[in-house]
Amino acid sequence: MTQPVDYVTALARRFAVEVDLNPSGVANWQPLIGVEDFKPGRTQRKQADEAYDDAGAERQAITGSSWTIDMKLIHRTGLDGVTFNAVQEHLRVKSEASDALTGEAHVRWFDRSGVGEAWEGRCLVDWVPDGGNGGARDTISVKLNGQGARVAITNPNASPLPVVAGLAPTGGGVAGGTLVEIRGRRFTGATAVTFGGTAATSFRVVSDTLIVAVAPAKAASTVDVLVTTPGGTSANTAADNYVYA
């Protein structure tokens, strides 16, 4: 008897989107939060290419292509409830540019599972607030319009290690007690958060991409904030630097 094959439907929220906050230098990839709807698209530009020998049968040549991403964002603020999320603000500012050179954003999107599609590209940004009544959520319709080709990349989630992509704030007092947002990926199941080798006073895993931790007391210095999960400990990068002053 043949063993039946099980099929699992992929979830629509499987894609992660990251934005390079330093597009003119070494990439500083930060997760785009608040994505409620995500629709990537690619269109081929075609032109009639019939010849006499085709006997009237239609034939086309592909002469180019374009890509887009349509998203719906829930407009987010930081812990202070006033300052808008830096990654969302980066896209909004790009949308206000008056020329393609300063308006170009650098983005990448990939399957959260670590397998499947992974792409990056440069784009121009359309940013349109949705409006609504006084009780409506603050949502934004965002369209990324590809500038040049999208490029296949190695999926950033292919490794099991957690990744710290950014901190907010990036520093605090030597007495500790600062509430710190740690952004990144693969945080589910985190067992430890350390500041320069000292355990955080406390921490909470909010989601796979966000941990909120309380910084411990440390002498004035710049330290690394590392996250440990069953998959291992995050690598030390410039994105995890925390300054005690």
Protein backbone atom coordinates (compact mmCIF):
# COMPACT_ATOMS: atom_id res chain seq x y z
CA MET A 1 0.00 0.00 0.00
CA THR A 2 1.35 3.41 -0.94
CA GLN A 3 1.93 5.75 1.98
CA PRO A 4 -0.33 8.83 1.64
CA VAL A 5 1.42 12.15 1.13
CA ASP A 6 0.74 14.95 3.60
CA TYR A 7 0.49 18.49 2.26
CA VAL A 8 0.76 21.62 4.40
CA THR A 9 -0.54 24.97 3.19
CA ALA A 10 1.97 27.83 3.52
CA LEU A 11 0.84 30.76 5.66
CA ALA A 12 0.48 34.13 3.93
CA ARG A 13 2.52 35.80 6.68
CA ARG A 14 5.59 33.71 5.92
CA PHE A 15 7.54 36.60 4.35
CA ALA A 16 9.78 38.93 6.35
CA VAL A 17 10.78 42.35 5.01
CA GLU A 18 13.94 44.21 5.98
CA VAL A 19 15.16 47.69 5.04
CA ASP A 20 18.79 48.81 4.73
CA LEU A 21 19.11 51.98 6.82
CA ASN A 22 22.58 52.65 5.37
CA PRO A 23 22.07 52.12 1.62
CA SER A 24 25.24 54.01 0.63
CA GLY A 25 27.64 51.98 2.78
CA VAL A 26 27.86 48.71 4.69
CA ALA A 27 24.29 47.37 4.82
CA ASN A 28 22.41 47.89 8.09
CA TRP A 29 19.39 45.60 7.71
CA GLN A 30 16.52 46.30 10.09
CA PRO A 31 13.15 44.48 10.21
CA LEU A 32 10.10 46.34 8.92
CA ILE A 33 7.41 45.94 11.58
CA GLY A 34 3.65 46.38 11.34
CA VAL A 35 3.27 44.61 7.97
CA GLU A 36 -0.40 43.62 7.73
CA ASP A 37 -0.59 42.77 4.04
CA PHE A 38 2.26 41.81 1.68
CA LYS A 39 1.94 41.22 -2.07
CA PRO A 40 5.10 40.86 -4.17
CA GLY A 41 4.71 41.05 -7.93
CA ARG A 42 6.82 40.64 -11.07
CA THR A 43 5.71 41.59 -14.59
CA GLN A 44 7.34 40.63 -17.86
CA ARG A 45 7.35 43.19 -20.67
CA LYS A 46 6.44 41.41 -23.92
CA GLN A 47 6.48 42.39 -27.56
CA ALA A 48 5.01 40.72 -30.64
CA ASP A 49 7.66 38.57 -32.33
CA GLU A 50 5.82 36.77 -35.12
CA ALA A 51 7.63 35.82 -38.29
CA TYR A 52 6.36 34.66 -41.66
CA ASP A 53 7.45 31.11 -40.83
CA ASP A 54 5.11 31.05 -37.79
CA ALA A 55 2.15 30.86 -40.18
CA GLY A 56 0.13 33.43 -38.26
CA ALA A 57 0.57 31.80 -34.84
CA GLU A 58 1.14 34.35 -32.11
CA ARG A 59 4.66 34.60 -30.78
CA GLN A 60 6.12 37.03 -28.24
CA ALA A 61 9.58 38.07 -27.08
CA ILE A 62 10.33 39.09 -23.49
CA THR A 63 12.04 42.48 -23.64
CA GLY A 64 12.24 43.33 -19.95
CA SER A 65 10.67 42.95 -16.52
CA SER A 66 9.66 44.94 -13.46
CA TRP A 67 8.92 44.12 -9.82
CA THR A 68 6.77 45.67 -7.13
CA ILE A 69 5.74 45.04 -3.54
CA ASP A 70 2.36 46.24 -2.25
CA MET A 71 2.07 46.41 1.54
CA LYS A 72 -0.29 47.63 4.20
CA LEU A 73 1.51 48.93 7.31
CA ILE A 74 0.16 49.63 10.76
CA HIS A 75 1.94 52.87 11.67
CA ARG A 76 3.99 52.12 14.78
CA THR A 77 5.62 54.25 17.46
CA GLY A 78 8.40 53.37 19.89
CA LEU A 79 8.07 52.79 23.61
CA ASP A 80 7.54 56.52 24.20
CA GLY A 81 4.32 56.42 22.16
CA VAL A 82 5.44 59.50 20.20
CA THR A 83 8.50 58.68 18.09
CA PHE A 84 7.59 56.71 14.96
CA ASN A 85 9.42 53.49 14.20
CA ALA A 86 12.76 54.31 12.53
CA VAL A 87 12.42 51.75 9.74
CA GLN A 88 8.94 52.92 8.77
CA GLU A 89 10.16 56.52 8.94
CA HIS A 90 13.04 55.67 6.60
CA LEU A 91 10.55 54.58 3.93
CA ARG A 92 8.32 57.61 4.51
CA VAL A 93 11.28 59.99 4.12
CA LYS A 94 12.34 58.22 0.91
CA SER A 95 8.84 58.72 -0.47
CA GLU A 96 9.20 62.48 0.04
CA ALA A 97 12.37 62.74 -2.08
CA SER A 98 12.30 64.91 -5.19
CA ASP A 99 14.67 62.77 -7.26
CA ALA A 100 15.43 59.07 -7.78
CA LEU A 101 18.96 59.34 -6.37
CA THR A 102 17.89 60.38 -2.87
CA GLY A 103 14.55 58.56 -3.01
CA GLU A 104 15.91 55.10 -3.69
CA ALA A 105 15.50 52.56 -0.87
CA HIS A 106 17.28 49.21 -0.47
CA VAL A 107 15.09 46.32 0.71
CA ARG A 108 15.10 42.55 0.98
CA TRP A 109 12.33 40.02 1.55
CA PHE A 110 12.53 36.34 2.33
CA ASP A 111 10.69 33.29 3.62
CA ARG A 112 10.83 33.26 7.42
CA SER A 113 11.27 29.47 7.41
CA GLY A 114 14.78 29.80 5.98
CA VAL A 115 13.90 27.98 2.77
CA GLY A 116 12.16 29.18 -0.36
CA GLU A 117 12.33 32.64 -1.87
CA ALA A 118 14.82 35.33 -0.84
CA TRP A 119 15.37 38.53 -2.83
CA GLU A 120 16.80 42.01 -2.53
CA GLY A 121 16.56 45.11 -4.69
CA ARG A 122 16.44 48.88 -4.85
CA CYS A 123 13.17 50.73 -5.24
CA LEU A 124 11.23 53.98 -5.12
CA VAL A 125 8.56 54.31 -2.44
CA ASP A 126 4.90 55.35 -2.59
CA TRP A 127 3.57 56.17 0.91
CA VAL A 128 -0.17 56.89 1.17
CA PRO A 129 -1.95 57.21 4.57
CA ASP A 130 -5.31 55.44 4.44
CA GLY A 131 -7.24 57.97 6.52
CA GLY A 132 -10.54 56.95 8.08
CA ASN A 133 -12.70 58.10 10.96
CA GLY A 134 -11.40 59.24 14.34
CA GLY A 135 -11.51 55.73 15.76
CA ALA A 136 -9.74 54.04 12.86
CA ARG A 137 -6.25 52.60 13.08
CA ASP A 138 -3.40 54.59 11.54
CA THR A 139 -2.58 52.46 8.49
CA ILE A 140 -0.43 53.23 5.44
CA SER A 141 -0.57 51.84 1.91
CA VAL A 142 3.01 51.39 0.72
CA LYS A 143 4.17 50.41 -2.74
CA LEU A 144 7.80 49.60 -3.51
CA ASN A 145 8.57 50.13 -7.21
CA GLY A 146 11.65 48.24 -8.32
CA GLN A 147 14.62 50.19 -9.68
CA GLY A 148 16.49 47.66 -11.78
CA ALA A 149 16.41 43.92 -11.28
CA ARG A 150 15.62 42.10 -8.06
CA VAL A 151 18.52 39.81 -7.04
CA ALA A 152 18.27 36.33 -5.54
CA ILE A 153 20.13 36.10 -2.20
CA THR A 154 20.92 33.48 0.40
CA ASN A 155 17.99 33.36 2.81
CA PRO A 156 19.08 35.24 5.98
CA ASN A 157 17.08 32.72 8.04
CA ALA A 158 18.98 29.71 6.70
CA SER A 159 21.13 29.69 9.86
CA PRO A 160 19.52 28.59 13.18
CA LEU A 161 21.33 31.33 15.14
CA PRO A 162 19.36 34.32 16.45
CA VAL A 163 20.28 37.70 14.95
CA VAL A 164 20.32 41.05 16.78
CA ALA A 165 19.60 43.70 14.13
CA GLY A 166 19.19 46.77 16.32
CA LEU A 167 18.57 48.24 19.78
CA ALA A 168 16.32 51.07 20.96
CA PRO A 169 17.67 52.94 22.78
CA THR A 170 21.30 52.18 22.01
CA GLY A 171 22.56 53.25 25.43
CA GLY A 172 21.70 54.10 29.02
CA GLY A 173 23.02 54.89 32.48
CA VAL A 174 25.62 52.84 34.36
CA ALA A 175 23.05 52.10 37.09
CA GLY A 176 21.06 50.00 34.62
CA GLY A 177 17.29 49.80 34.61
CA THR A 178 16.84 51.06 31.02
CA LEU A 179 14.11 49.27 29.09
CA VAL A 180 15.65 48.18 25.77
CA GLU A 181 13.90 46.94 22.62
CA ILE A 182 16.01 44.28 20.89
CA ARG A 183 15.03 43.83 17.24
CA GLY A 184 16.11 40.96 15.05
CA ARG A 185 14.93 37.46 14.21
CA ARG A 186 14.76 33.89 15.49
CA PHE A 187 14.17 34.98 19.11
CA THR A 188 11.51 32.37 19.86
CA GLY A 189 12.52 30.25 22.86
CA ALA A 190 15.28 32.66 23.99
CA THR A 191 16.91 31.44 27.19
CA ALA A 192 19.29 34.34 27.91
CA VAL A 193 20.00 37.98 27.08
CA THR A 194 23.35 39.44 28.12
CA PHE A 195 24.87 42.93 28.14
CA GLY A 196 28.62 42.57 27.89
CA GLY A 197 28.43 39.12 29.47
CA THR A 198 26.12 40.22 32.32
CA ALA A 199 22.60 38.80 32.31
CA ALA A 200 19.78 41.26 31.68
CA THR A 201 17.91 42.13 34.87
CA SER A 202 14.86 40.67 33.12
CA PHE A 203 13.64 40.08 29.59
CA ARG A 204 10.50 39.08 27.72
CA VAL A 205 10.21 37.53 24.27
CA VAL A 206 7.42 39.52 22.62
CA SER A 207 7.71 37.80 19.23
CA ASP A 208 10.22 36.04 17.02
CA THR A 209 11.60 39.46 16.06
CA LEU A 210 11.34 41.43 19.33
CA ILE A 211 12.66 41.07 22.87
CA VAL A 212 12.17 43.70 25.58
CA ALA A 213 14.93 43.59 28.21
CA VAL A 214 15.99 45.60 31.26
CA ALA A 215 19.67 46.55 31.11
CA PRO A 216 21.78 45.53 34.14
CA ALA A 217 24.25 47.85 35.86
CA LYS A 218 27.66 48.11 34.18
CA ALA A 219 30.68 50.41 34.22
CA ALA A 220 30.88 53.08 31.52
CA SER A 221 31.75 51.24 28.31
CA THR A 222 30.40 49.93 25.02
CA VAL A 223 29.15 46.34 25.32
CA ASP A 224 27.57 43.71 23.11
CA VAL A 225 23.95 42.65 23.63
CA LEU A 226 23.70 38.96 22.78
CA VAL A 227 20.67 36.65 22.65
CA THR A 228 20.86 32.91 23.28
CA THR A 229 18.24 30.42 22.06
CA PRO A 230 18.26 26.62 21.63
CA GLY A 231 19.79 27.35 18.19
CA GLY A 232 22.83 29.11 19.67
CA THR A 233 24.01 32.62 20.53
CA SER A 234 23.79 35.63 18.21
CA ALA A 235 27.00 36.76 16.52
CA ASN A 236 28.71 39.93 17.73
CA THR A 237 28.05 42.76 15.25
CA ALA A 238 27.96 46.56 15.32
CA ALA A 239 24.15 46.39 15.45
CA ASP A 240 24.22 44.98 19.02
CA ASN A 241 26.44 47.69 20.57
CA TYR A 242 25.02 49.29 23.75
CA VAL A 243 26.74 52.28 25.35
CA TYR A 244 26.85 52.74 29.14
CA ALA A 245 27.52 56.34 30.13
